[in-house]
Amino acid sequence: MCDACRGGTAPRQGLGGANSGSGGAPLEGSTFVFAQAILSEAGLSFLGVGTPPEIPSWGNMLGEARAYLASAPWTMLAPGAALMVAVLGLNLLGDGIRDLLDPRLRRL
């Protein structure tokens, strides 16, 4: 059968099989790496070895709120919740990208 009858030229048909599922993996992996970078920065800033104290960071906010833990424990809620929502959102975004772009998960 000729290439025109199959719906395209030979180079265009060659890209369909090998390249169809390879676009999502780097994009999915980058969301998880970005979430890990956020957690690493927050952890290092919380310990005092990350960003300087004058730069706003969730780790710095949690570290400064540690002094007020006995009198005002709710001061840790906002930066902790923001950190949790950001990391959870990035992980869910990565899962959604994987589900969207993985050809094995598509239903016919």
PDB file of N, CA and C in Angstrom:
ATOM      1  N   MET A   1       0.844  -1.171   0.000  1.00  0.00           N
ATOM      2  CA  MET A   1       0.000   0.000   0.000  1.00  0.00           C
ATOM      3  C   MET A   1       0.897   1.244   0.000  1.00  0.00           C
ATOM      4  N   CYS A   2       0.509   2.285  -0.699  1.00  0.00           N
ATOM      5  CA  CYS A   2       1.333   3.475  -0.804  1.00  0.00           C
ATOM      6  C   CYS A   2       1.175   4.375   0.428  1.00  0.00           C
ATOM      7  N   ASP A   3       2.161   5.268   0.629  1.00  0.00           N
ATOM      8  CA  ASP A   3       2.145   6.160   1.793  1.00  0.00           C
ATOM      9  C   ASP A   3       0.967   7.114   1.774  1.00  0.00           C
ATOM     10  N   ALA A   4       0.596   7.588   0.594  1.00  0.00           N
ATOM     11  CA  ALA A   4      -0.523   8.525   0.496  1.00  0.00           C
ATOM     12  C   ALA A   4      -1.834   7.858   0.887  1.00  0.00           C
ATOM     13  N   CYS A   5      -1.946   6.567   0.637  1.00  0.00           N
ATOM     14  CA  CYS A   5      -3.172   5.844   1.006  1.00  0.00           C
ATOM     15  C   CYS A   5      -3.274   5.639   2.517  1.00  0.00           C
ATOM     16  N   ARG A   6      -2.151   5.569   3.193  1.00  0.00           N
ATOM     17  CA  ARG A   6      -2.146   5.349   4.641  1.00  0.00           C
ATOM     18  C   ARG A   6      -2.343   6.624   5.441  1.00  0.00           C
ATOM     19  N   GLY A   7      -2.279   7.750   4.823  1.00  0.00           N
ATOM     20  CA  GLY A   7      -2.570   8.981   5.520  1.00  0.00           C
ATOM     21  C   GLY A   7      -1.384   9.871   5.792  1.00  0.00           C
ATOM     22  N   GLY A   8      -0.269   9.665   5.154  1.00  0.00           N
ATOM     23  CA  GLY A   8       0.841  10.566   5.393  1.00  0.00           C
ATOM     24  C   GLY A   8       2.109  10.066   4.749  1.00  0.00           C
ATOM     25  N   THR A   9       3.163  10.833   4.908  1.00  0.00           N
ATOM     26  CA  THR A   9       4.447  10.448   4.351  1.00  0.00           C
ATOM     27  C   THR A   9       5.177   9.539   5.326  1.00  0.00           C
ATOM     28  N   ALA A  10       6.225   8.927   4.873  1.00  0.00           N
ATOM     29  CA  ALA A  10       6.974   7.970   5.694  1.00  0.00           C
ATOM     30  C   ALA A  10       7.570   8.616   6.952  1.00  0.00           C
ATOM     31  N   PRO A  11       8.208   9.797   6.883  1.00  0.00           N
ATOM     32  CA  PRO A  11       8.737  10.377   8.120  1.00  0.00           C
ATOM     33  C   PRO A  11       7.650  10.726   9.125  1.00  0.00           C
ATOM     34  N   ARG A  12       6.518  11.166   8.631  1.00  0.00           N
ATOM     35  CA  ARG A  12       5.430  11.530   9.536  1.00  0.00           C
ATOM     36  C   ARG A  12       4.856  10.288  10.219  1.00  0.00           C
ATOM     37  N   GLN A  13       4.759   9.198   9.500  1.00  0.00           N
ATOM     38  CA  GLN A  13       4.258   7.961  10.091  1.00  0.00           C
ATOM     39  C   GLN A  13       5.260   7.398  11.083  1.00  0.00           C
ATOM     40  N   GLY A  14       6.517   7.594  10.849  1.00  0.00           N
ATOM     41  CA  GLY A  14       7.543   7.066  11.745  1.00  0.00           C
ATOM     42  C   GLY A  14       7.529   7.722  13.110  1.00  0.00           C
ATOM     43  N   LEU A  15       7.055   8.933  13.202  1.00  0.00           N
ATOM     44  CA  LEU A  15       7.011   9.618  14.496  1.00  0.00           C
ATOM     45  C   LEU A  15       5.852   9.163  15.368  1.00  0.00           C
ATOM     46  N   GLY A  16       4.880   8.523  14.793  1.00  0.00           N
ATOM     47  CA  GLY A  16       3.692   8.155  15.545  1.00  0.00           C
ATOM     48  C   GLY A  16       3.927   7.103  16.607  1.00  0.00           C
ATOM     49  N   GLY A  17       4.687   6.070  16.325  1.00  0.00           N
ATOM     50  CA  GLY A  17       4.825   4.970  17.263  1.00  0.00           C
ATOM     51  C   GLY A  17       5.829   5.218  18.372  1.00  0.00           C
ATOM     52  N   ALA A  18       7.017   5.641  18.031  1.00  0.00           N
ATOM     53  CA  ALA A  18       8.082   5.767  19.019  1.00  0.00           C
ATOM     54  C   ALA A  18       7.958   7.027  19.854  1.00  0.00           C
ATOM     55  N   ASN A  19       7.371   8.061  19.318  1.00  0.00           N
ATOM     56  CA  ASN A  19       7.364   9.344  20.003  1.00  0.00           C
ATOM     57  C   ASN A  19       6.022   9.656  20.669  1.00  0.00           C
ATOM     58  N   SER A  20       5.057   8.776  20.582  1.00  0.00           N
ATOM     59  CA  SER A  20       3.720   9.116  21.041  1.00  0.00           C
ATOM     60  C   SER A  20       3.640   9.254  22.557  1.00  0.00           C
ATOM     61  N   GLY A  21       4.373   8.475  23.316  1.00  0.00           N
ATOM     62  CA  GLY A  21       4.256   8.528  24.766  1.00  0.00           C
ATOM     63  C   GLY A  21       5.434   9.166  25.468  1.00  0.00           C
ATOM     64  N   SER A  22       6.333   9.786  24.736  1.00  0.00           N
ATOM     65  CA  SER A  22       7.549  10.300  25.364  1.00  0.00           C
ATOM     66  C   SER A  22       7.444  11.751  25.811  1.00  0.00           C
ATOM     67  N   GLY A  23       6.401  12.453  25.475  1.00  0.00           N
ATOM     68  CA  GLY A  23       6.316  13.868  25.830  1.00  0.00           C
ATOM     69  C   GLY A  23       5.915  14.119  27.264  1.00  0.00           C
ATOM     70  N   GLY A  24       5.187  13.210  27.879  1.00  0.00           N
ATOM     71  CA  GLY A  24       4.687  13.443  29.216  1.00  0.00           C
ATOM     72  C   GLY A  24       5.677  13.153  30.320  1.00  0.00           C
ATOM     73  N   ALA A  25       6.623  12.251  30.090  1.00  0.00           N
ATOM     74  CA  ALA A  25       7.537  11.844  31.154  1.00  0.00           C
ATOM     75  C   ALA A  25       8.402  12.997  31.674  1.00  0.00           C
ATOM     76  N   PRO A  26       9.045  13.777  30.817  1.00  0.00           N
ATOM     77  CA  PRO A  26       9.838  14.886  31.357  1.00  0.00           C
ATOM     78  C   PRO A  26       8.981  15.950  32.037  1.00  0.00           C
ATOM     79  N   LEU A  27       7.816  16.196  31.498  1.00  0.00           N
ATOM     80  CA  LEU A  27       6.928  17.199  32.084  1.00  0.00           C
ATOM     81  C   LEU A  27       6.399  16.729  33.427  1.00  0.00           C
ATOM     82  N   GLU A  28       6.038  15.459  33.493  1.00  0.00           N
ATOM     83  CA  GLU A  28       5.557  14.891  34.749  1.00  0.00           C
ATOM     84  C   GLU A  28       6.674  14.878  35.791  1.00  0.00           C
ATOM     85  N   GLY A  29       7.849  14.462  35.395  1.00  0.00           N
ATOM     86  CA  GLY A  29       8.983  14.418  36.318  1.00  0.00           C
ATOM     87  C   GLY A  29       9.381  15.788  36.822  1.00  0.00           C
ATOM     88  N   SER A  30       9.245  16.793  35.979  1.00  0.00           N
ATOM     89  CA  SER A  30       9.633  18.142  36.403  1.00  0.00           C
ATOM     90  C   SER A  30       8.707  18.678  37.492  1.00  0.00           C
ATOM     91  N   THR A  31       7.438  18.278  37.491  1.00  0.00           N
ATOM     92  CA  THR A  31       6.545  18.735  38.558  1.00  0.00           C
ATOM     93  C   THR A  31       6.962  18.146  39.899  1.00  0.00           C
ATOM     94  N   PHE A  32       7.387  16.874  39.907  1.00  0.00           N
ATOM     95  CA  PHE A  32       7.820  16.256  41.150  1.00  0.00           C
ATOM     96  C   PHE A  32       9.155  16.826  41.630  1.00  0.00           C
ATOM     97  N   VAL A  33      10.048  17.130  40.697  1.00  0.00           N
ATOM     98  CA  VAL A  33      11.331  17.738  41.071  1.00  0.00           C
ATOM     99  C   VAL A  33      11.106  19.139  41.630  1.00  0.00           C
ATOM    100  N   PHE A  34      10.176  19.885  41.046  1.00  0.00           N
ATOM    101  CA  PHE A  34       9.872  21.226  41.530  1.00  0.00           C
ATOM    102  C   PHE A  34       9.276  21.183  42.935  1.00  0.00           C
ATOM    103  N   ALA A  35       8.402  20.200  43.188  1.00  0.00           N
ATOM    104  CA  ALA A  35       7.834  20.039  44.533  1.00  0.00           C
ATOM    105  C   ALA A  35       8.927  19.682  45.533  1.00  0.00           C
ATOM    106  N   GLN A  36       9.857  18.825  45.140  1.00  0.00           N
ATOM    107  CA  GLN A  36      10.966  18.464  46.029  1.00  0.00           C
ATOM    108  C   GLN A  36      11.864  19.667  46.284  1.00  0.00           C
ATOM    109  N   ALA A  37      12.064  20.516  45.298  1.00  0.00           N
ATOM    110  CA  ALA A  37      12.884  21.720  45.490  1.00  0.00           C
ATOM    111  C   ALA A  37      12.216  22.676  46.472  1.00  0.00           C
ATOM    112  N   ILE A  38      10.901  22.804  46.409  1.00  0.00           N
ATOM    113  CA  ILE A  38      10.181  23.660  47.354  1.00  0.00           C
ATOM    114  C   ILE A  38      10.337  23.124  48.766  1.00  0.00           C
ATOM    115  N   LEU A  39      10.183  21.810  48.935  1.00  0.00           N
ATOM    116  CA  LEU A  39      10.344  21.212  50.259  1.00  0.00           C
ATOM    117  C   LEU A  39      11.772  21.340  50.774  1.00  0.00           C
ATOM    118  N   SER A  40      12.749  21.163  49.909  1.00  0.00           N
ATOM    119  CA  SER A  40      14.146  21.288  50.317  1.00  0.00           C
ATOM    120  C   SER A  40      14.469  22.711  50.754  1.00  0.00           C
ATOM    121  N   GLU A  41      14.002  23.687  49.989  1.00  0.00           N
ATOM    122  CA  GLU A  41      14.254  25.083  50.354  1.00  0.00           C
ATOM    123  C   GLU A  41      13.585  25.425  51.673  1.00  0.00           C
ATOM    124  N   ALA A  42      12.363  24.972  51.865  1.00  0.00           N
ATOM    125  CA  ALA A  42      11.654  25.259  53.109  1.00  0.00           C
ATOM    126  C   ALA A  42      12.334  24.589  54.295  1.00  0.00           C
ATOM    127  N   GLY A  43      12.785  23.362  54.112  1.00  0.00           N
ATOM    128  CA  GLY A  43      13.471  22.667  55.192  1.00  0.00           C
ATOM    129  C   GLY A  43      14.782  23.324  55.564  1.00  0.00           C
ATOM    130  N   LEU A  44      15.557  23.720  54.564  1.00  0.00           N
ATOM    131  CA  LEU A  44      16.822  24.391  54.852  1.00  0.00           C
ATOM    132  C   LEU A  44      16.601  25.763  55.477  1.00  0.00           C
ATOM    133  N   SER A  45      15.602  26.480  55.015  1.00  0.00           N
ATOM    134  CA  SER A  45      15.304  27.791  55.606  1.00  0.00           C
ATOM    135  C   SER A  45      14.794  27.641  57.029  1.00  0.00           C
ATOM    136  N   PHE A  46      14.022  26.601  57.304  1.00  0.00           N
ATOM    137  CA  PHE A  46      13.533  26.346  58.654  1.00  0.00           C
ATOM    138  C   PHE A  46      14.701  26.088  59.605  1.00  0.00           C
ATOM    139  N   LEU A  47      15.712  25.374  59.130  1.00  0.00           N
ATOM    140  CA  LEU A  47      16.886  25.087  59.960  1.00  0.00           C
ATOM    141  C   LEU A  47      17.835  26.270  60.068  1.00  0.00           C
ATOM    142  N   GLY A  48      17.655  27.280  59.231  1.00  0.00           N
ATOM    143  CA  GLY A  48      18.492  28.472  59.297  1.00  0.00           C
ATOM    144  C   GLY A  48      19.671  28.461  58.353  1.00  0.00           C
ATOM    145  N   VAL A  49      19.763  27.477  57.471  1.00  0.00           N
ATOM    146  CA  VAL A  49      20.883  27.413  56.536  1.00  0.00           C
ATOM    147  C   VAL A  49      20.440  27.675  55.093  1.00  0.00           C
ATOM    148  N   GLY A  50      19.213  28.092  54.915  1.00  0.00           N
ATOM    149  CA  GLY A  50      18.693  28.368  53.573  1.00  0.00           C
ATOM    150  C   GLY A  50      18.830  29.833  53.225  1.00  0.00           C
ATOM    151  N   THR A  51      17.732  30.421  52.796  1.00  0.00           N
ATOM    152  CA  THR A  51      17.725  31.829  52.423  1.00  0.00           C
ATOM    153  C   THR A  51      17.925  32.703  53.655  1.00  0.00           C
ATOM    154  N   PRO A  52      18.436  33.913  53.484  1.00  0.00           N
ATOM    155  CA  PRO A  52      18.614  34.809  54.636  1.00  0.00           C
ATOM    156  C   PRO A  52      17.273  35.144  55.297  1.00  0.00           C
ATOM    157  N   PRO A  53      17.289  35.490  56.575  1.00  0.00           N
ATOM    158  CA  PRO A  53      16.031  35.744  57.294  1.00  0.00           C
ATOM    159  C   PRO A  53      15.204  36.899  56.736  1.00  0.00           C
ATOM    160  N   GLU A  54      15.825  37.850  56.063  1.00  0.00           N
ATOM    161  CA  GLU A  54      15.046  38.981  55.547  1.00  0.00           C
ATOM    162  C   GLU A  54      14.287  38.638  54.260  1.00  0.00           C
ATOM    163  N   ILE A  55      14.582  37.509  53.644  1.00  0.00           N
ATOM    164  CA  ILE A  55      13.864  37.077  52.445  1.00  0.00           C
ATOM    165  C   ILE A  55      12.679  36.225  52.877  1.00  0.00           C
ATOM    166  N   PRO A  56      11.463  36.589  52.455  1.00  0.00           N
ATOM    167  CA  PRO A  56      10.297  35.791  52.864  1.00  0.00           C
ATOM    168  C   PRO A  56      10.324  34.397  52.239  1.00  0.00           C
ATOM    169  N   SER A  57      10.138  33.424  53.086  1.00  0.00           N
ATOM    170  CA  SER A  57      10.125  32.027  52.658  1.00  0.00           C
ATOM    171  C   SER A  57       9.237  31.267  53.630  1.00  0.00           C
ATOM    172  N   TRP A  58       8.608  30.203  53.145  1.00  0.00           N
ATOM    173  CA  TRP A  58       7.749  29.431  54.036  1.00  0.00           C
ATOM    174  C   TRP A  58       8.570  28.795  55.150  1.00  0.00           C
ATOM    175  N   GLY A  59       9.773  28.379  54.851  1.00  0.00           N
ATOM    176  CA  GLY A  59      10.640  27.815  55.888  1.00  0.00           C
ATOM    177  C   GLY A  59      11.037  28.861  56.918  1.00  0.00           C
ATOM    178  N   ASN A  60      11.354  30.073  56.459  1.00  0.00           N
ATOM    179  CA  ASN A  60      11.679  31.155  57.396  1.00  0.00           C
ATOM    180  C   ASN A  60      10.480  31.503  58.269  1.00  0.00           C
ATOM    181  N   MET A  61       9.293  31.530  57.668  1.00  0.00           N
ATOM    182  CA  MET A  61       8.088  31.834  58.440  1.00  0.00           C
ATOM    183  C   MET A  61       7.834  30.770  59.498  1.00  0.00           C
ATOM    184  N   LEU A  62       8.016  29.506  59.128  1.00  0.00           N
ATOM    185  CA  LEU A  62       7.833  28.430  60.099  1.00  0.00           C
ATOM    186  C   LEU A  62       8.898  28.486  61.185  1.00  0.00           C
ATOM    187  N   GLY A  63      10.125  28.827  60.804  1.00  0.00           N
ATOM    188  CA  GLY A  63      11.201  28.934  61.789  1.00  0.00           C
ATOM    189  C   GLY A  63      10.981  30.067  62.773  1.00  0.00           C
ATOM    190  N   GLU A  64      10.477  31.199  62.288  1.00  0.00           N
ATOM    191  CA  GLU A  64      10.204  32.325  63.181  1.00  0.00           C
ATOM    192  C   GLU A  64       8.982  32.061  64.055  1.00  0.00           C
ATOM    193  N   ALA A  65       8.021  31.318  63.546  1.00  0.00           N
ATOM    194  CA  ALA A  65       6.819  31.001  64.325  1.00  0.00           C
ATOM    195  C   ALA A  65       7.107  29.965  65.408  1.00  0.00           C
ATOM    196  N   ARG A  66       8.224  29.286  65.320  1.00  0.00           N
ATOM    197  CA  ARG A  66       8.603  28.305  66.331  1.00  0.00           C
ATOM    198  C   ARG A  66       8.775  28.954  67.700  1.00  0.00           C
ATOM    199  N   ALA A  67       9.207  30.197  67.733  1.00  0.00           N
ATOM    200  CA  ALA A  67       9.385  30.910  69.009  1.00  0.00           C
ATOM    201  C   ALA A  67       8.048  31.196  69.681  1.00  0.00           C
ATOM    202  N   TYR A  68       6.981  31.292  68.911  1.00  0.00           N
ATOM    203  CA  TYR A  68       5.655  31.611  69.448  1.00  0.00           C
ATOM    204  C   TYR A  68       4.756  30.383  69.542  1.00  0.00           C
ATOM    205  N   LEU A  69       5.335  29.202  69.502  1.00  0.00           N
ATOM    206  CA  LEU A  69       4.546  27.979  69.466  1.00  0.00           C
ATOM    207  C   LEU A  69       3.721  27.781  70.736  1.00  0.00           C
ATOM    208  N   ALA A  70       4.271  28.157  71.893  1.00  0.00           N
ATOM    209  CA  ALA A  70       3.541  27.963  73.154  1.00  0.00           C
ATOM    210  C   ALA A  70       2.411  28.981  73.314  1.00  0.00           C
ATOM    211  N   SER A  71       2.618  30.210  72.869  1.00  0.00           N
ATOM    212  CA  SER A  71       1.608  31.250  73.088  1.00  0.00           C
ATOM    213  C   SER A  71       0.657  31.424  71.898  1.00  0.00           C
ATOM    214  N   ALA A  72       1.123  31.205  70.677  1.00  0.00           N
ATOM    215  CA  ALA A  72       0.288  31.409  69.484  1.00  0.00           C
ATOM    216  C   ALA A  72       0.596  30.326  68.444  1.00  0.00           C
ATOM    217  N   PRO A  73       0.097  29.109  68.662  1.00  0.00           N
ATOM    218  CA  PRO A  73       0.440  28.027  67.733  1.00  0.00           C
ATOM    219  C   PRO A  73      -0.168  28.192  66.338  1.00  0.00           C
ATOM    220  N   TRP A  74      -1.169  29.040  66.185  1.00  0.00           N
ATOM    221  CA  TRP A  74      -1.800  29.229  64.873  1.00  0.00           C
ATOM    222  C   TRP A  74      -0.908  29.989  63.898  1.00  0.00           C
ATOM    223  N   THR A  75       0.189  30.580  64.383  1.00  0.00           N
ATOM    224  CA  THR A  75       1.087  31.296  63.473  1.00  0.00           C
ATOM    225  C   THR A  75       1.817  30.340  62.527  1.00  0.00           C
ATOM    226  N   MET A  76       1.831  29.067  62.859  1.00  0.00           N
ATOM    227  CA  MET A  76       2.450  28.082  61.973  1.00  0.00           C
ATOM    228  C   MET A  76       1.468  27.544  60.936  1.00  0.00           C
ATOM    229  N   LEU A  77       0.188  27.807  61.123  1.00  0.00           N
ATOM    230  CA  LEU A  77      -0.815  27.217  60.232  1.00  0.00           C
ATOM    231  C   LEU A  77      -0.755  27.769  58.812  1.00  0.00           C
ATOM    232  N   ALA A  78      -0.650  29.070  58.656  1.00  0.00           N
ATOM    233  CA  ALA A  78      -0.686  29.659  57.307  1.00  0.00           C
ATOM    234  C   ALA A  78       0.508  29.229  56.453  1.00  0.00           C
ATOM    235  N   PRO A  79       1.763  29.369  56.915  1.00  0.00           N
ATOM    236  CA  PRO A  79       2.860  28.922  56.050  1.00  0.00           C
ATOM    237  C   PRO A  79       2.897  27.406  55.876  1.00  0.00           C
ATOM    238  N   GLY A  80       2.526  26.666  56.919  1.00  0.00           N
ATOM    239  CA  GLY A  80       2.498  25.206  56.790  1.00  0.00           C
ATOM    240  C   GLY A  80       1.431  24.737  55.819  1.00  0.00           C
ATOM    241  N   ALA A  81       0.257  25.347  55.884  1.00  0.00           N
ATOM    242  CA  ALA A  81      -0.823  24.986  54.963  1.00  0.00           C
ATOM    243  C   ALA A  81      -0.477  25.403  53.533  1.00  0.00           C
ATOM    244  N   ALA A  82       0.135  26.562  53.360  1.00  0.00           N
ATOM    245  CA  ALA A  82       0.523  27.001  52.016  1.00  0.00           C
ATOM    246  C   ALA A  82       1.565  26.066  51.418  1.00  0.00           C
ATOM    247  N   LEU A  83       2.510  25.638  52.226  1.00  0.00           N
ATOM    248  CA  LEU A  83       3.531  24.691  51.769  1.00  0.00           C
ATOM    249  C   LEU A  83       2.894  23.362  51.385  1.00  0.00           C
ATOM    250  N   MET A  84       1.979  22.886  52.208  1.00  0.00           N
ATOM    251  CA  MET A  84       1.308  21.620  51.940  1.00  0.00           C
ATOM    252  C   MET A  84       0.471  21.699  50.661  1.00  0.00           C
ATOM    253  N   VAL A  85      -0.280  22.775  50.490  1.00  0.00           N
ATOM    254  CA  VAL A  85      -1.134  22.928  49.305  1.00  0.00           C
ATOM    255  C   VAL A  85      -0.285  23.040  48.040  1.00  0.00           C
ATOM    256  N   ALA A  86       0.824  23.754  48.117  1.00  0.00           N
ATOM    257  CA  ALA A  86       1.681  23.908  46.935  1.00  0.00           C
ATOM    258  C   ALA A  86       2.288  22.579  46.510  1.00  0.00           C
ATOM    259  N   VAL A  87       2.812  21.816  47.459  1.00  0.00           N
ATOM    260  CA  VAL A  87       3.436  20.537  47.117  1.00  0.00           C
ATOM    261  C   VAL A  87       2.385  19.525  46.666  1.00  0.00           C
ATOM    262  N   LEU A  88       1.261  19.478  47.354  1.00  0.00           N
ATOM    263  CA  LEU A  88       0.196  18.565  46.952  1.00  0.00           C
ATOM    264  C   LEU A  88      -0.346  18.929  45.570  1.00  0.00           C
ATOM    265  N   GLY A  89      -0.500  20.225  45.313  1.00  0.00           N
ATOM    266  CA  GLY A  89      -0.971  20.669  44.000  1.00  0.00           C
ATOM    267  C   GLY A  89      -0.014  20.300  42.884  1.00  0.00           C
ATOM    268  N   LEU A  90       1.283  20.435  43.116  1.00  0.00           N
ATOM    269  CA  LEU A  90       2.257  20.053  42.089  1.00  0.00           C
ATOM    270  C   LEU A  90       2.246  18.549  41.855  1.00  0.00           C
ATOM    271  N   ASN A  91       2.115  17.763  42.914  1.00  0.00           N
ATOM    272  CA  ASN A  91       2.054  16.309  42.749  1.00  0.00           C
ATOM    273  C   ASN A  91       0.791  15.893  41.998  1.00  0.00           C
ATOM    274  N   LEU A  92      -0.330  16.510  42.320  1.00  0.00           N
ATOM    275  CA  LEU A  92      -1.560  16.197  41.597  1.00  0.00           C
ATOM    276  C   LEU A  92      -1.495  16.649  40.139  1.00  0.00           C
ATOM    277  N   LEU A  93      -0.836  17.775  39.887  1.00  0.00           N
ATOM    278  CA  LEU A  93      -0.636  18.233  38.511  1.00  0.00           C
ATOM    279  C   LEU A  93       0.196  17.226  37.729  1.00  0.00           C
ATOM    280  N   GLY A  94       1.261  16.708  38.340  1.00  0.00           N
ATOM    281  CA  GLY A  94       2.074  15.692  37.681  1.00  0.00           C
ATOM    282  C   GLY A  94       1.302  14.425  37.397  1.00  0.00           C
ATOM    283  N   ASP A  95       0.468  14.001  38.348  1.00  0.00           N
ATOM    284  CA  ASP A  95      -0.365  12.822  38.115  1.00  0.00           C
ATOM    285  C   ASP A  95      -1.376  13.070  36.995  1.00  0.00           C
ATOM    286  N   GLY A  96      -1.950  14.264  36.972  1.00  0.00           N
ATOM    287  CA  GLY A  96      -2.895  14.594  35.911  1.00  0.00           C
ATOM    288  C   GLY A  96      -2.247  14.634  34.551  1.00  0.00           C
ATOM    289  N   ILE A  97      -1.040  15.167  34.475  1.00  0.00           N
ATOM    290  CA  ILE A  97      -0.313  15.197  33.204  1.00  0.00           C
ATOM    291  C   ILE A  97      -0.007  13.781  32.742  1.00  0.00           C
ATOM    292  N   ARG A  98       0.406  12.931  33.684  1.00  0.00           N
ATOM    293  CA  ARG A  98       0.676  11.538  33.321  1.00  0.00           C
ATOM    294  C   ARG A  98      -0.583  10.851  32.802  1.00  0.00           C
ATOM    295  N   ASP A  99      -1.693  11.046  33.490  1.00  0.00           N
ATOM    296  CA  ASP A  99      -2.942  10.424  33.058  1.00  0.00           C
ATOM    297  C   ASP A  99      -3.404  10.951  31.702  1.00  0.00           C
ATOM    298  N   LEU A 100      -3.152  12.213  31.455  1.00  0.00           N
ATOM    299  CA  LEU A 100      -3.584  12.820  30.197  1.00  0.00           C
ATOM    300  C   LEU A 100      -2.725  12.380  29.018  1.00  0.00           C
ATOM    301  N   LEU A 101      -1.421  12.270  29.236  1.00  0.00           N
ATOM    302  CA  LEU A 101      -0.512  12.026  28.122  1.00  0.00           C
ATOM    303  C   LEU A 101      -0.085  10.578  27.961  1.00  0.00           C
ATOM    304  N   ASP A 102      -0.414   9.693  28.893  1.00  0.00           N
ATOM    305  CA  ASP A 102       0.001   8.296  28.782  1.00  0.00           C
ATOM    306  C   ASP A 102      -0.959   7.555  27.852  1.00  0.00           C
ATOM    307  N   PRO A 103      -0.480   7.064  26.717  1.00  0.00           N
ATOM    308  CA  PRO A 103      -1.382   6.408  25.774  1.00  0.00           C
ATOM    309  C   PRO A 103      -1.914   5.075  26.306  1.00  0.00           C
ATOM    310  N   ARG A 104      -1.246   4.459  27.248  1.00  0.00           N
ATOM    311  CA  ARG A 104      -1.716   3.176  27.772  1.00  0.00           C
ATOM    312  C   ARG A 104      -2.939   3.361  28.671  1.00  0.00           C
ATOM    313  N   LEU A 105      -3.134   4.556  29.210  1.00  0.00           N
ATOM    314  CA  LEU A 105      -4.263   4.811  30.096  1.00  0.00           C
ATOM    315  C   LEU A 105      -5.491   5.298  29.358  1.00  0.00           C
ATOM    316  N   ARG A 106      -5.357   5.581  28.086  1.00  0.00           N
ATOM    317  CA  ARG A 106      -6.499   6.076  27.317  1.00  0.00           C
ATOM    318  C   ARG A 106      -7.462   4.941  27.010  1.00  0.00           C
ATOM    319  N   ARG A 107      -8.718   5.252  27.076  1.00  0.00           N
ATOM    320  CA  ARG A 107      -9.751   4.262  26.726  1.00  0.00           C
ATOM    321  C   ARG A 107     -10.149   4.463  25.281  1.00  0.00           C
ATOM    322  N   LEU A 108     -10.415   3.372  24.640  1.00  0.00           N
ATOM    323  CA  LEU A 108     -10.801   3.452  23.226  1.00  0.00           C
ATOM    324  C   LEU A 108     -12.256   3.686  23.054  1.00  0.00           C
TER     325      LEU A 108
END
